[in-house]
Amino acid sequence: AAEKDGQSILFLLEANPGPGLGILLAFAVFGVGISKASAPGAIIIHFLGGIHEIYFPYILMKPRLILAAIAGGAAGVAMNVALDNGLTATPSPGSIFAYMVVTPKGDTFKVLLAIAVSAAVAFAAAWFLLKTDSSNNDDLDSAKSRKDSLKNG
């Protein structure tokens, strides 16, 4: 599709920083302890740096938040389909800067809107899931170790 049309929606699917941004924003606002304190730094690394792996320990700490990531991702895909969005190449790393470099001329607002919608949906879902969570599992260091062991194992 990219060769024929000059862009493809497929480049938008995996690299969308919106779901991770929404989840990290929810932790920054509604989290507790170290997860709340570290979320703003993680947002910078994730959104500006394009290192999406930074939000994985937050989900491992509260596994129900995978639902927020799925909801945000689905909302982003729906918006990209509705707006006929595509990128000219894979944004690598998945930072907002890389996204903008491979956004077709004149489509910047549409692509940013899809990212914003996916972030908003993920934020709302994560807010609800954090507010209704009765567990006391806020051990971010343990979740980071678990992420590393899952990667290496």
N, C-alpha and C. Protein backbone atom coordinates (compact mmCIF):
# COMPACT_ATOMS: atom_id res chain seq x y z
N ALA A 1 0.82 -1.20 0.00
CA ALA A 1 0.00 0.00 0.00
C ALA A 1 0.87 1.27 0.00
N ALA A 2 1.96 1.24 0.75
CA ALA A 2 2.81 2.43 0.82
C ALA A 2 3.46 2.73 -0.52
N GLU A 3 3.82 1.67 -1.25
CA GLU A 3 4.47 1.87 -2.54
C GLU A 3 3.49 2.48 -3.55
N LYS A 4 2.24 2.03 -3.51
CA LYS A 4 1.23 2.51 -4.45
C LYS A 4 0.69 3.89 -4.05
N ASP A 5 0.35 4.05 -2.77
CA ASP A 5 -0.29 5.28 -2.30
C ASP A 5 0.67 6.30 -1.70
N GLY A 6 1.90 5.91 -1.43
CA GLY A 6 2.85 6.81 -0.79
C GLY A 6 2.73 6.83 0.72
N GLN A 7 1.80 6.03 1.25
CA GLN A 7 1.63 5.93 2.70
C GLN A 7 0.91 4.64 3.03
N SER A 8 0.99 4.22 4.29
CA SER A 8 0.28 3.02 4.71
C SER A 8 -0.17 3.16 6.16
N ILE A 9 -1.38 2.68 6.43
CA ILE A 9 -1.89 2.66 7.80
C ILE A 9 -1.12 1.66 8.65
N LEU A 10 -0.52 0.67 8.02
CA LEU A 10 0.20 -0.37 8.77
C LEU A 10 1.35 0.23 9.59
N PHE A 11 1.94 1.32 9.11
CA PHE A 11 3.02 1.96 9.85
C PHE A 11 2.53 2.61 11.14
N LEU A 12 1.22 2.81 11.26
CA LEU A 12 0.65 3.47 12.43
C LEU A 12 0.25 2.50 13.54
N LEU A 13 0.17 1.23 13.24
CA LEU A 13 -0.43 0.28 14.17
C LEU A 13 0.39 0.05 15.43
N GLU A 14 1.61 -0.41 15.28
CA GLU A 14 2.40 -0.80 16.44
C GLU A 14 3.08 0.39 17.12
N ALA A 15 3.41 1.40 16.38
CA ALA A 15 4.23 2.49 16.91
C ALA A 15 3.46 3.62 17.58
N ASN A 16 2.14 3.53 17.62
CA ASN A 16 1.33 4.61 18.20
C ASN A 16 1.71 4.84 19.67
N PRO A 17 2.21 6.03 20.01
CA PRO A 17 2.58 6.30 21.40
C PRO A 17 1.39 6.66 22.28
N GLY A 18 0.19 6.78 21.72
CA GLY A 18 -0.98 7.21 22.47
C GLY A 18 -1.37 6.33 23.64
N PRO A 19 -1.52 5.01 23.45
CA PRO A 19 -1.93 4.17 24.58
C PRO A 19 -0.96 4.23 25.77
N GLY A 20 0.31 4.15 25.49
CA GLY A 20 1.30 4.23 26.57
C GLY A 20 1.27 5.58 27.26
N LEU A 21 1.11 6.64 26.47
CA LEU A 21 1.02 7.98 27.04
C LEU A 21 -0.18 8.09 27.97
N GLY A 22 -1.33 7.58 27.55
CA GLY A 22 -2.53 7.63 28.39
C GLY A 22 -2.36 6.89 29.70
N ILE A 23 -1.75 5.71 29.63
CA ILE A 23 -1.53 4.92 30.85
C ILE A 23 -0.56 5.63 31.79
N LEU A 24 0.52 6.14 31.25
CA LEU A 24 1.49 6.85 32.09
C LEU A 24 0.90 8.13 32.68
N LEU A 25 0.09 8.84 31.91
CA LEU A 25 -0.58 10.03 32.45
C LEU A 25 -1.51 9.66 33.60
N ALA A 26 -2.21 8.54 33.46
CA ALA A 26 -3.10 8.09 34.55
C ALA A 26 -2.30 7.80 35.81
N PHE A 27 -1.13 7.17 35.66
CA PHE A 27 -0.28 6.92 36.83
C PHE A 27 0.23 8.23 37.42
N ALA A 28 0.58 9.19 36.55
CA ALA A 28 1.09 10.47 37.04
C ALA A 28 0.04 11.23 37.84
N VAL A 29 -1.23 11.07 37.47
CA VAL A 29 -2.31 11.79 38.15
C VAL A 29 -2.92 10.98 39.29
N PHE A 30 -3.17 9.70 39.06
CA PHE A 30 -3.93 8.89 40.02
C PHE A 30 -3.12 7.79 40.69
N GLY A 31 -1.86 7.62 40.31
CA GLY A 31 -1.03 6.58 40.90
C GLY A 31 -0.65 6.94 42.33
N VAL A 32 0.07 6.04 42.96
CA VAL A 32 0.56 6.27 44.32
C VAL A 32 2.03 5.88 44.39
N GLY A 33 2.72 6.47 45.34
CA GLY A 33 4.09 6.08 45.62
C GLY A 33 5.04 6.31 44.46
N ILE A 34 5.94 5.34 44.29
CA ILE A 34 6.99 5.47 43.29
C ILE A 34 6.44 5.46 41.87
N SER A 35 5.33 4.75 41.66
CA SER A 35 4.76 4.73 40.30
C SER A 35 4.25 6.11 39.90
N LYS A 36 3.66 6.83 40.84
CA LYS A 36 3.20 8.19 40.56
C LYS A 36 4.39 9.13 40.36
N ALA A 37 5.40 8.99 41.20
CA ALA A 37 6.56 9.87 41.13
C ALA A 37 7.40 9.65 39.87
N SER A 38 7.45 8.41 39.38
CA SER A 38 8.30 8.12 38.23
C SER A 38 7.58 8.27 36.89
N ALA A 39 6.27 8.34 36.90
CA ALA A 39 5.51 8.39 35.65
C ALA A 39 5.85 9.61 34.78
N PRO A 40 6.02 10.82 35.34
CA PRO A 40 6.37 11.96 34.45
C PRO A 40 7.67 11.75 33.69
N GLY A 41 8.68 11.20 34.33
CA GLY A 41 9.93 10.90 33.63
C GLY A 41 9.74 9.83 32.57
N ALA A 42 8.91 8.84 32.90
CA ALA A 42 8.62 7.78 31.93
C ALA A 42 7.88 8.34 30.72
N ILE A 43 7.03 9.34 30.94
CA ILE A 43 6.31 9.98 29.82
C ILE A 43 7.30 10.61 28.85
N ILE A 44 8.30 11.29 29.36
CA ILE A 44 9.31 11.92 28.51
C ILE A 44 10.06 10.87 27.70
N ILE A 45 10.48 9.80 28.37
CA ILE A 45 11.22 8.73 27.69
C ILE A 45 10.34 8.07 26.63
N HIS A 46 9.08 7.83 26.98
CA HIS A 46 8.15 7.14 26.08
C HIS A 46 7.76 8.02 24.89
N PHE A 47 7.20 9.18 25.17
CA PHE A 47 6.61 10.01 24.12
C PHE A 47 7.64 10.76 23.30
N LEU A 48 8.63 11.34 23.95
CA LEU A 48 9.65 12.10 23.22
C LEU A 48 10.79 11.21 22.74
N GLY A 49 11.15 10.22 23.56
CA GLY A 49 12.26 9.35 23.20
C GLY A 49 11.88 8.16 22.35
N GLY A 50 10.59 7.78 22.41
CA GLY A 50 10.13 6.67 21.59
C GLY A 50 10.42 5.30 22.16
N ILE A 51 10.78 5.23 23.43
CA ILE A 51 11.07 3.94 24.06
C ILE A 51 9.80 3.45 24.75
N HIS A 52 8.99 2.71 24.02
CA HIS A 52 7.68 2.29 24.52
C HIS A 52 7.79 1.27 25.64
N GLU A 53 8.89 0.57 25.69
CA GLU A 53 9.11 -0.44 26.72
C GLU A 53 9.05 0.14 28.14
N ILE A 54 9.21 1.43 28.28
CA ILE A 54 9.24 2.07 29.60
C ILE A 54 7.92 1.91 30.35
N TYR A 55 6.79 1.77 29.65
CA TYR A 55 5.53 1.65 30.37
C TYR A 55 5.14 0.20 30.66
N PHE A 56 5.88 -0.78 30.17
CA PHE A 56 5.55 -2.17 30.40
C PHE A 56 5.54 -2.54 31.89
N PRO A 57 6.52 -2.08 32.70
CA PRO A 57 6.47 -2.43 34.13
C PRO A 57 5.22 -1.90 34.84
N TYR A 58 4.70 -0.77 34.38
CA TYR A 58 3.48 -0.23 34.99
C TYR A 58 2.31 -1.18 34.74
N ILE A 59 2.27 -1.77 33.55
CA ILE A 59 1.21 -2.73 33.25
C ILE A 59 1.46 -4.04 34.00
N LEU A 60 2.72 -4.47 34.10
CA LEU A 60 3.01 -5.69 34.85
C LEU A 60 2.66 -5.54 36.33
N MET A 61 2.78 -4.31 36.82
CA MET A 61 2.44 -4.04 38.21
C MET A 61 0.93 -4.13 38.43
N LYS A 62 0.16 -3.72 37.45
CA LYS A 62 -1.31 -3.75 37.49
C LYS A 62 -1.79 -4.39 36.18
N PRO A 63 -1.76 -5.72 36.09
CA PRO A 63 -2.03 -6.40 34.82
C PRO A 63 -3.37 -6.05 34.15
N ARG A 64 -4.36 -5.63 34.92
CA ARG A 64 -5.64 -5.25 34.29
C ARG A 64 -5.48 -4.07 33.35
N LEU A 65 -4.40 -3.32 33.51
CA LEU A 65 -4.18 -2.17 32.64
C LEU A 65 -3.90 -2.55 31.19
N ILE A 66 -3.71 -3.83 30.92
CA ILE A 66 -3.60 -4.26 29.52
C ILE A 66 -4.88 -3.90 28.79
N LEU A 67 -6.00 -3.87 29.52
CA LEU A 67 -7.28 -3.48 28.91
C LEU A 67 -7.25 -2.02 28.47
N ALA A 68 -6.58 -1.17 29.23
CA ALA A 68 -6.45 0.24 28.85
C ALA A 68 -5.59 0.38 27.59
N ALA A 69 -4.53 -0.42 27.51
CA ALA A 69 -3.67 -0.39 26.32
C ALA A 69 -4.44 -0.87 25.10
N ILE A 70 -5.23 -1.92 25.27
CA ILE A 70 -6.03 -2.45 24.15
C ILE A 70 -7.07 -1.41 23.72
N ALA A 71 -7.76 -0.82 24.68
CA ALA A 71 -8.79 0.18 24.35
C ALA A 71 -8.18 1.38 23.64
N GLY A 72 -7.05 1.87 24.14
CA GLY A 72 -6.38 3.00 23.50
C GLY A 72 -5.89 2.65 22.11
N GLY A 73 -5.33 1.46 21.95
CA GLY A 73 -4.87 1.02 20.63
C GLY A 73 -6.03 0.89 19.64
N ALA A 74 -7.14 0.31 20.10
CA ALA A 74 -8.31 0.15 19.24
C ALA A 74 -8.88 1.51 18.82
N ALA A 75 -8.91 2.45 19.76
CA ALA A 75 -9.40 3.79 19.43
C ALA A 75 -8.49 4.46 18.41
N GLY A 76 -7.19 4.27 18.56
CA GLY A 76 -6.24 4.85 17.60
C GLY A 76 -6.42 4.25 16.21
N VAL A 77 -6.58 2.93 16.15
CA VAL A 77 -6.79 2.28 14.85
C VAL A 77 -8.09 2.78 14.22
N ALA A 78 -9.15 2.86 15.03
CA ALA A 78 -10.45 3.34 14.50
C ALA A 78 -10.33 4.76 13.95
N MET A 79 -9.63 5.62 14.67
CA MET A 79 -9.44 6.99 14.19
C MET A 79 -8.60 7.02 12.91
N ASN A 80 -7.55 6.22 12.86
CA ASN A 80 -6.71 6.20 11.67
C ASN A 80 -7.48 5.69 10.45
N VAL A 81 -8.35 4.70 10.67
CA VAL A 81 -9.17 4.21 9.56
C VAL A 81 -10.17 5.29 9.14
N ALA A 82 -10.84 5.90 10.12
CA ALA A 82 -11.85 6.92 9.81
C ALA A 82 -11.24 8.13 9.10
N LEU A 83 -10.02 8.49 9.47
CA LEU A 83 -9.37 9.67 8.89
C LEU A 83 -8.52 9.33 7.67
N ASP A 84 -8.47 8.06 7.30
CA ASP A 84 -7.66 7.59 6.18
C ASP A 84 -6.19 7.99 6.37
N ASN A 85 -5.70 7.79 7.58
CA ASN A 85 -4.32 8.14 7.91
C ASN A 85 -3.35 7.07 7.43
N GLY A 86 -2.14 7.47 7.27
CA GLY A 86 -1.04 6.58 6.96
C GLY A 86 0.26 7.33 7.15
N LEU A 87 1.34 6.58 7.22
CA LEU A 87 2.68 7.18 7.29
C LEU A 87 3.46 6.72 6.07
N THR A 88 4.51 7.44 5.75
CA THR A 88 5.32 7.09 4.58
C THR A 88 6.35 6.02 4.88
N ALA A 89 6.65 5.79 6.16
CA ALA A 89 7.62 4.78 6.59
C ALA A 89 7.37 4.49 8.07
N THR A 90 8.07 3.50 8.57
CA THR A 90 7.96 3.16 9.99
C THR A 90 8.62 4.24 10.83
N PRO A 91 7.92 4.78 11.83
CA PRO A 91 8.56 5.75 12.73
C PRO A 91 9.42 5.00 13.75
N SER A 92 10.70 5.09 13.58
CA SER A 92 11.59 4.35 14.47
C SER A 92 12.68 5.27 14.97
N PRO A 93 12.81 5.45 16.28
CA PRO A 93 11.96 4.87 17.32
C PRO A 93 10.57 5.50 17.28
N GLY A 94 9.66 4.98 18.06
CA GLY A 94 8.27 5.43 18.02
C GLY A 94 8.02 6.74 18.75
N SER A 95 8.93 7.67 18.67
CA SER A 95 8.74 8.97 19.33
C SER A 95 7.83 9.85 18.49
N ILE A 96 7.29 10.86 19.10
CA ILE A 96 6.44 11.80 18.38
C ILE A 96 7.24 12.51 17.28
N PHE A 97 8.53 12.71 17.50
CA PHE A 97 9.37 13.35 16.49
C PHE A 97 9.51 12.47 15.26
N ALA A 98 9.77 11.17 15.46
CA ALA A 98 9.87 10.24 14.34
C ALA A 98 8.53 10.14 13.61
N TYR A 99 7.45 10.16 14.36
CA TYR A 99 6.11 10.16 13.76
C TYR A 99 5.93 11.34 12.81
N MET A 100 6.31 12.51 13.26
CA MET A 100 6.11 13.72 12.46
C MET A 100 6.98 13.71 11.20
N VAL A 101 8.16 13.13 11.28
CA VAL A 101 9.06 13.08 10.13
C VAL A 101 8.46 12.25 9.00
N VAL A 102 7.73 11.18 9.34
CA VAL A 102 7.19 10.28 8.30
C VAL A 102 5.69 10.49 8.06
N THR A 103 5.15 11.58 8.60
CA THR A 103 3.75 11.93 8.33
C THR A 103 3.67 12.65 6.99
N PRO A 104 2.75 12.21 6.12
CA PRO A 104 2.62 12.89 4.82
C PRO A 104 2.27 14.37 5.00
N LYS A 105 2.77 15.16 4.11
CA LYS A 105 2.52 16.60 4.12
C LYS A 105 1.01 16.87 4.16
N GLY A 106 0.58 17.72 5.07
CA GLY A 106 -0.82 18.09 5.19
C GLY A 106 -1.64 17.19 6.10
N ASP A 107 -1.06 16.09 6.59
CA ASP A 107 -1.80 15.15 7.44
C ASP A 107 -1.42 15.23 8.91
N THR A 108 -0.62 16.19 9.28
CA THR A 108 -0.12 16.28 10.66
C THR A 108 -1.26 16.33 11.67
N PHE A 109 -2.25 17.17 11.44
CA PHE A 109 -3.35 17.29 12.40
C PHE A 109 -4.09 15.97 12.55
N LYS A 110 -4.37 15.29 11.44
CA LYS A 110 -5.10 14.02 11.49
C LYS A 110 -4.34 12.96 12.28
N VAL A 111 -3.04 12.87 12.06
CA VAL A 111 -2.22 11.88 12.76
C VAL A 111 -2.15 12.22 14.26
N LEU A 112 -1.96 13.50 14.58
CA LEU A 112 -1.92 13.91 15.99
C LEU A 112 -3.27 13.69 16.67
N LEU A 113 -4.35 13.90 15.95
CA LEU A 113 -5.69 13.67 16.50
C LEU A 113 -5.87 12.20 16.86
N ALA A 114 -5.45 11.31 16.00
CA ALA A 114 -5.57 9.87 16.28
C ALA A 114 -4.73 9.48 17.50
N ILE A 115 -3.54 10.05 17.63
CA ILE A 115 -2.70 9.78 18.81
C ILE A 115 -3.38 10.32 20.07
N ALA A 116 -3.92 11.53 19.99
CA ALA A 116 -4.60 12.15 21.14
C ALA A 116 -5.82 11.34 21.56
N VAL A 117 -6.60 10.86 20.60
CA VAL A 117 -7.78 10.06 20.93
C VAL A 117 -7.36 8.75 21.59
N SER A 118 -6.34 8.10 21.07
CA SER A 118 -5.90 6.85 21.68
C SER A 118 -5.35 7.09 23.08
N ALA A 119 -4.66 8.21 23.29
CA ALA A 119 -4.16 8.54 24.63
C ALA A 119 -5.31 8.83 25.58
N ALA A 120 -6.32 9.56 25.11
CA ALA A 120 -7.46 9.90 25.96
C ALA A 120 -8.25 8.65 26.36
N VAL A 121 -8.46 7.75 25.42
CA VAL A 121 -9.19 6.52 25.74
C VAL A 121 -8.39 5.65 26.72
N ALA A 122 -7.09 5.51 26.48
CA ALA A 122 -6.25 4.74 27.39
C ALA A 122 -6.21 5.39 28.78
N PHE A 123 -6.14 6.72 28.82
CA PHE A 123 -6.15 7.44 30.09
C PHE A 123 -7.44 7.17 30.86
N ALA A 124 -8.58 7.29 30.18
CA ALA A 124 -9.88 7.08 30.84
C ALA A 124 -10.00 5.66 31.35
N ALA A 125 -9.60 4.69 30.53
CA ALA A 125 -9.67 3.29 30.95
C ALA A 125 -8.72 3.03 32.11
N ALA A 126 -7.50 3.55 32.03
CA ALA A 126 -6.52 3.35 33.11
C ALA A 126 -6.98 4.04 34.39
N TRP A 127 -7.56 5.24 34.27
CA TRP A 127 -8.09 5.93 35.45
C TRP A 127 -9.13 5.05 36.14
N PHE A 128 -10.08 4.53 35.37
CA PHE A 128 -11.12 3.67 35.94
C PHE A 128 -10.51 2.43 36.58
N LEU A 129 -9.58 1.79 35.89
CA LEU A 129 -8.97 0.56 36.42
C LEU A 129 -8.12 0.83 37.65
N LEU A 130 -7.42 1.95 37.69
CA LEU A 130 -6.64 2.30 38.88
C LEU A 130 -7.55 2.64 40.06
N LYS A 131 -8.63 3.37 39.79
CA LYS A 131 -9.55 3.78 40.86
C LYS A 131 -10.30 2.59 41.45
N THR A 132 -10.54 1.56 40.65
CA THR A 132 -11.30 0.40 41.14
C THR A 132 -10.38 -0.74 41.57
N ASP A 133 -9.07 -0.51 41.57
CA ASP A 133 -8.11 -1.55 41.95
C ASP A 133 -7.99 -1.60 43.47
N SER A 134 -8.23 -2.77 44.02
CA SER A 134 -8.15 -2.91 45.48
C SER A 134 -6.82 -3.52 45.92
N SER A 135 -5.96 -3.89 44.97
CA SER A 135 -4.67 -4.48 45.35
C SER A 135 -3.72 -3.40 45.84
N ASN A 136 -2.77 -3.82 46.61
CA ASN A 136 -1.76 -2.89 47.11
C ASN A 136 -0.44 -3.08 46.38
N ASN A 137 -0.49 -3.64 45.20
CA ASN A 137 0.71 -3.93 44.44
C ASN A 137 1.19 -2.66 43.73
N ASP A 138 2.13 -1.98 44.36
CA ASP A 138 2.72 -0.78 43.78
C ASP A 138 4.23 -0.90 43.74
N ASP A 139 4.73 -2.13 43.59
CA ASP A 139 6.17 -2.37 43.58
C ASP A 139 6.71 -2.30 42.16
N LEU A 140 7.09 -1.10 41.77
CA LEU A 140 7.57 -0.86 40.40
C LEU A 140 8.88 -1.60 40.15
N ASP A 141 9.77 -1.65 41.15
CA ASP A 141 11.05 -2.34 40.96
C ASP A 141 10.84 -3.83 40.68
N SER A 142 9.91 -4.44 41.39
CA SER A 142 9.60 -5.85 41.16
C SER A 142 9.03 -6.05 39.76
N ALA A 143 8.19 -5.14 39.32
CA ALA A 143 7.61 -5.24 37.99
C ALA A 143 8.68 -5.08 36.91
N LYS A 144 9.67 -4.20 37.14
CA LYS A 144 10.77 -4.04 36.19
C LYS A 144 11.59 -5.33 36.09
N SER A 145 11.85 -5.95 37.24
CA SER A 145 12.58 -7.22 37.25
C SER A 145 11.81 -8.30 36.52
N ARG A 146 10.50 -8.33 36.73
CA ARG A 146 9.65 -9.31 36.05
C ARG A 146 9.69 -9.09 34.54
N LYS A 147 9.65 -7.82 34.11
CA LYS A 147 9.73 -7.51 32.68
C LYS A 147 11.04 -8.01 32.09
N ASP A 148 12.14 -7.78 32.81
CA ASP A 148 13.45 -8.22 32.31
C ASP A 148 13.53 -9.74 32.24
N SER A 149 12.98 -10.42 33.23
CA SER A 149 13.03 -11.89 33.21
C SER A 149 12.16 -12.45 32.09
N LEU A 150 11.05 -11.80 31.79
CA LEU A 150 10.20 -12.24 30.69
C LEU A 150 10.89 -12.03 29.34
N LYS A 151 11.66 -10.95 29.24
CA LYS A 151 12.39 -10.65 28.01
C LYS A 151 13.50 -11.67 27.78
N ASN A 152 14.21 -12.03 28.84
CA ASN A 152 15.39 -12.89 28.72
C ASN A 152 15.06 -14.37 28.79
N GLY A 153 13.86 -14.69 29.23
CA GLY A 153 13.53 -16.10 29.45
C GLY A 153 12.82 -16.66 28.32
